[in-house]
């Protein structure tokens, strides 16, 4: 919990690390959007949020709807008989 709090404080700039400017900018290590788009389809199939061959455009709304669908229990699940 301590490390999570420290990470948040570092992220927001409420805490600083002496000489940290000597280290690489972590954001430079992120994938470009073009790289993400190229890999997104296979990743979504791998995690079960898309079917193979599904070429539908993918955005935040679609992601949320598919994720909610996967996380919602089927009707009657968990109800006493």
N, C-alpha and C. Protein backbone atom coordinates (compact mmCIF):
# COMPACT_ATOMS: atom_id res chain seq x y z
N UNK A 1 0.82 -1.17 0.00
CA UNK A 1 0.00 0.00 0.00
C UNK A 1 0.88 1.26 0.00
N UNK A 2 1.97 1.18 0.71
CA UNK A 2 2.89 2.31 0.76
C UNK A 2 3.42 2.64 -0.62
N UNK A 3 3.82 1.62 -1.37
CA UNK A 3 4.36 1.84 -2.70
C UNK A 3 3.30 2.38 -3.65
N UNK A 4 2.07 1.93 -3.51
CA UNK A 4 0.99 2.45 -4.35
C UNK A 4 0.77 3.93 -4.07
N UNK A 5 0.78 4.31 -2.81
CA UNK A 5 0.62 5.72 -2.44
C UNK A 5 1.79 6.54 -2.95
N UNK A 6 3.01 6.03 -2.81
CA UNK A 6 4.19 6.73 -3.29
C UNK A 6 4.14 6.90 -4.81
N UNK A 7 3.75 5.86 -5.51
CA UNK A 7 3.65 5.94 -6.97
C UNK A 7 2.65 7.01 -7.39
N UNK A 8 1.54 7.10 -6.71
CA UNK A 8 0.54 8.13 -7.02
C UNK A 8 1.10 9.53 -6.75
N UNK A 9 1.79 9.68 -5.64
CA UNK A 9 2.38 10.98 -5.31
C UNK A 9 3.46 11.38 -6.34
N UNK A 10 4.23 10.42 -6.78
CA UNK A 10 5.23 10.69 -7.81
C UNK A 10 4.56 11.07 -9.12
N UNK A 11 3.49 10.37 -9.46
CA UNK A 11 2.77 10.64 -10.70
C UNK A 11 2.19 12.04 -10.72
N UNK A 12 1.62 12.47 -9.62
CA UNK A 12 0.99 13.79 -9.56
C UNK A 12 1.98 14.91 -9.30
N UNK A 13 3.20 14.57 -8.94
CA UNK A 13 4.21 15.59 -8.70
C UNK A 13 4.22 16.11 -7.27
N UNK A 14 3.47 15.47 -6.38
CA UNK A 14 3.46 15.88 -4.98
C UNK A 14 4.72 15.45 -4.25
N UNK A 15 5.42 14.47 -4.82
CA UNK A 15 6.68 14.00 -4.25
C UNK A 15 7.69 14.00 -5.39
N UNK A 16 8.91 14.35 -5.09
CA UNK A 16 9.96 14.36 -6.11
C UNK A 16 11.14 13.51 -5.64
N UNK A 17 11.92 13.06 -6.59
CA UNK A 17 13.11 12.27 -6.29
C UNK A 17 14.31 13.09 -6.74
N UNK A 18 15.25 13.29 -5.82
CA UNK A 18 16.45 14.06 -6.15
C UNK A 18 17.18 13.43 -7.33
N UNK A 19 17.59 14.24 -8.28
CA UNK A 19 18.32 13.83 -9.47
C UNK A 19 17.53 12.92 -10.41
N UNK A 20 16.22 12.89 -10.28
CA UNK A 20 15.42 12.01 -11.13
C UNK A 20 15.45 12.42 -12.60
N UNK A 21 15.82 13.68 -12.87
CA UNK A 21 15.90 14.12 -14.26
C UNK A 21 16.98 13.37 -15.03
N UNK A 22 17.84 12.64 -14.31
CA UNK A 22 18.88 11.86 -14.96
C UNK A 22 18.34 10.57 -15.57
N UNK A 23 17.12 10.19 -15.22
CA UNK A 23 16.54 8.94 -15.70
C UNK A 23 15.65 9.22 -16.90
N UNK A 24 15.44 8.21 -17.69
CA UNK A 24 14.63 8.35 -18.90
C UNK A 24 13.18 8.66 -18.56
N UNK A 25 12.55 9.35 -19.46
CA UNK A 25 11.12 9.64 -19.34
C UNK A 25 10.35 8.36 -19.64
N UNK A 26 9.61 7.84 -18.67
CA UNK A 26 8.89 6.58 -18.85
C UNK A 26 7.89 6.66 -19.99
N UNK A 27 7.35 7.84 -20.25
CA UNK A 27 6.34 7.95 -21.30
C UNK A 27 6.94 7.71 -22.69
N UNK A 28 8.23 7.87 -22.82
CA UNK A 28 8.88 7.59 -24.10
C UNK A 28 8.92 6.09 -24.40
N UNK A 29 8.67 5.26 -23.39
CA UNK A 29 8.69 3.82 -23.57
C UNK A 29 7.33 3.27 -24.01
N UNK A 30 6.30 4.11 -24.02
CA UNK A 30 4.97 3.67 -24.42
C UNK A 30 4.93 3.42 -25.92
N UNK A 31 4.06 2.51 -26.33
CA UNK A 31 3.89 2.25 -27.75
C UNK A 31 3.20 3.43 -28.42
N UNK A 32 3.54 3.65 -29.67
CA UNK A 32 2.82 4.67 -30.44
C UNK A 32 1.43 4.14 -30.74
N UNK A 33 0.49 5.06 -31.04
CA UNK A 33 -0.87 4.63 -31.33
C UNK A 33 -0.90 3.72 -32.56
N UNK A 34 -0.04 3.96 -33.52
CA UNK A 34 0.01 3.11 -34.71
C UNK A 34 0.39 1.68 -34.33
N UNK A 35 1.34 1.52 -33.42
CA UNK A 35 1.73 0.19 -32.95
C UNK A 35 0.59 -0.48 -32.19
N UNK A 36 -0.10 0.30 -31.37
CA UNK A 36 -1.23 -0.23 -30.60
C UNK A 36 -2.31 -0.73 -31.56
N UNK A 37 -2.66 0.09 -32.54
CA UNK A 37 -3.69 -0.30 -33.50
C UNK A 37 -3.32 -1.59 -34.22
N UNK A 38 -2.04 -1.75 -34.55
CA UNK A 38 -1.60 -2.94 -35.27
C UNK A 38 -1.74 -4.20 -34.42
N UNK A 39 -1.61 -4.07 -33.10
CA UNK A 39 -1.63 -5.23 -32.22
C UNK A 39 -2.98 -5.43 -31.52
N UNK A 40 -3.84 -4.43 -31.57
CA UNK A 40 -5.07 -4.44 -30.78
C UNK A 40 -5.99 -5.59 -31.12
N UNK A 41 -6.20 -5.85 -32.39
CA UNK A 41 -7.11 -6.92 -32.79
C UNK A 41 -6.73 -8.26 -32.20
N UNK A 42 -5.48 -8.65 -32.34
CA UNK A 42 -5.02 -9.94 -31.79
C UNK A 42 -5.13 -9.97 -30.28
N UNK A 43 -4.82 -8.84 -29.64
CA UNK A 43 -4.91 -8.78 -28.18
C UNK A 43 -6.35 -8.96 -27.71
N UNK A 44 -7.28 -8.29 -28.36
CA UNK A 44 -8.69 -8.39 -27.95
C UNK A 44 -9.21 -9.80 -28.11
N UNK A 45 -8.78 -10.50 -29.16
CA UNK A 45 -9.16 -11.90 -29.33
C UNK A 45 -8.56 -12.73 -28.21
N UNK A 46 -7.30 -12.48 -27.90
CA UNK A 46 -6.60 -13.23 -26.85
C UNK A 46 -7.28 -13.10 -25.50
N UNK A 47 -7.77 -11.91 -25.16
CA UNK A 47 -8.40 -11.70 -23.85
C UNK A 47 -9.91 -11.92 -23.88
N UNK A 48 -10.44 -12.33 -25.04
CA UNK A 48 -11.86 -12.68 -25.12
C UNK A 48 -12.80 -11.51 -25.32
N UNK A 49 -12.30 -10.37 -25.76
CA UNK A 49 -13.17 -9.21 -25.99
C UNK A 49 -13.52 -9.03 -27.46
N UNK A 50 -13.05 -9.94 -28.30
CA UNK A 50 -13.39 -9.91 -29.72
C UNK A 50 -13.29 -11.33 -30.26
N UNK A 51 -13.95 -11.54 -31.38
CA UNK A 51 -13.90 -12.83 -32.06
C UNK A 51 -12.87 -12.75 -33.19
N UNK A 52 -12.23 -13.87 -33.52
CA UNK A 52 -11.28 -13.85 -34.64
C UNK A 52 -11.97 -13.34 -35.90
N UNK A 53 -11.31 -12.46 -36.63
CA UNK A 53 -11.85 -11.91 -37.86
C UNK A 53 -12.76 -10.70 -37.66
N UNK A 54 -12.99 -10.32 -36.41
CA UNK A 54 -13.83 -9.15 -36.12
C UNK A 54 -13.03 -7.89 -36.43
N UNK A 55 -13.42 -7.20 -37.49
CA UNK A 55 -12.70 -6.00 -37.91
C UNK A 55 -13.46 -4.73 -37.58
N UNK A 56 -14.43 -4.82 -36.68
CA UNK A 56 -15.22 -3.64 -36.32
C UNK A 56 -14.31 -2.60 -35.67
N UNK A 57 -14.58 -1.32 -35.94
CA UNK A 57 -13.78 -0.27 -35.28
C UNK A 57 -13.88 -0.41 -33.77
N UNK A 58 -12.82 -0.11 -33.09
CA UNK A 58 -12.77 -0.30 -31.65
C UNK A 58 -12.46 1.02 -30.97
N UNK A 59 -13.33 1.43 -30.05
CA UNK A 59 -13.13 2.67 -29.31
C UNK A 59 -13.46 2.43 -27.85
N UNK A 60 -13.41 3.46 -27.06
CA UNK A 60 -13.64 3.32 -25.61
C UNK A 60 -15.05 2.82 -25.31
N UNK A 61 -16.04 3.28 -26.06
CA UNK A 61 -17.42 2.85 -25.82
C UNK A 61 -17.57 1.36 -26.12
N UNK A 62 -17.02 0.92 -27.24
CA UNK A 62 -17.08 -0.49 -27.60
C UNK A 62 -16.37 -1.33 -26.56
N UNK A 63 -15.19 -0.89 -26.12
CA UNK A 63 -14.44 -1.61 -25.10
C UNK A 63 -15.27 -1.77 -23.83
N UNK A 64 -15.88 -0.68 -23.37
CA UNK A 64 -16.68 -0.73 -22.14
C UNK A 64 -17.86 -1.67 -22.28
N UNK A 65 -18.57 -1.59 -23.40
CA UNK A 65 -19.73 -2.46 -23.60
C UNK A 65 -19.33 -3.93 -23.63
N UNK A 66 -18.26 -4.25 -24.34
CA UNK A 66 -17.82 -5.65 -24.40
C UNK A 66 -17.32 -6.14 -23.04
N UNK A 67 -16.61 -5.29 -22.33
CA UNK A 67 -16.11 -5.66 -21.01
C UNK A 67 -17.27 -5.87 -20.04
N UNK A 68 -18.24 -4.97 -20.04
CA UNK A 68 -19.42 -5.13 -19.17
C UNK A 68 -20.16 -6.42 -19.51
N UNK A 69 -20.25 -6.73 -20.79
CA UNK A 69 -20.92 -7.96 -21.21
C UNK A 69 -20.21 -9.19 -20.66
N UNK A 70 -18.88 -9.17 -20.70
CA UNK A 70 -18.09 -10.31 -20.19
C UNK A 70 -18.16 -10.42 -18.67
N UNK A 71 -18.32 -9.28 -17.98
CA UNK A 71 -18.31 -9.28 -16.52
C UNK A 71 -19.69 -9.44 -15.90
N UNK A 72 -20.74 -9.40 -16.72
CA UNK A 72 -22.10 -9.52 -16.21
C UNK A 72 -22.47 -10.99 -16.12
N UNK A 73 -22.97 -11.40 -14.96
CA UNK A 73 -23.38 -12.79 -14.76
C UNK A 73 -24.65 -13.07 -15.58
N UNK A 74 -24.77 -14.27 -16.10
CA UNK A 74 -25.97 -14.63 -16.86
C UNK A 74 -27.22 -14.53 -15.96
N UNK A 75 -28.39 -14.31 -16.58
CA UNK A 75 -29.64 -14.26 -15.84
C UNK A 75 -29.82 -15.52 -15.02
N UNK A 76 -30.21 -15.36 -13.78
CA UNK A 76 -30.46 -16.50 -12.92
C UNK A 76 -29.24 -17.02 -12.20
N UNK A 77 -28.06 -16.53 -12.55
CA UNK A 77 -26.84 -17.01 -11.92
C UNK A 77 -26.82 -16.56 -10.46
N UNK A 78 -26.59 -17.49 -9.57
CA UNK A 78 -26.45 -17.18 -8.17
C UNK A 78 -27.78 -17.08 -7.41
N UNK A 79 -28.90 -17.29 -8.10
CA UNK A 79 -30.19 -17.24 -7.42
C UNK A 79 -30.52 -18.61 -6.86
N UNK A 80 -31.16 -18.59 -5.71
CA UNK A 80 -31.56 -19.85 -5.08
C UNK A 80 -32.66 -20.51 -5.91
N UNK A 81 -32.62 -21.83 -5.96
CA UNK A 81 -33.61 -22.57 -6.75
C UNK A 81 -34.93 -22.71 -6.02
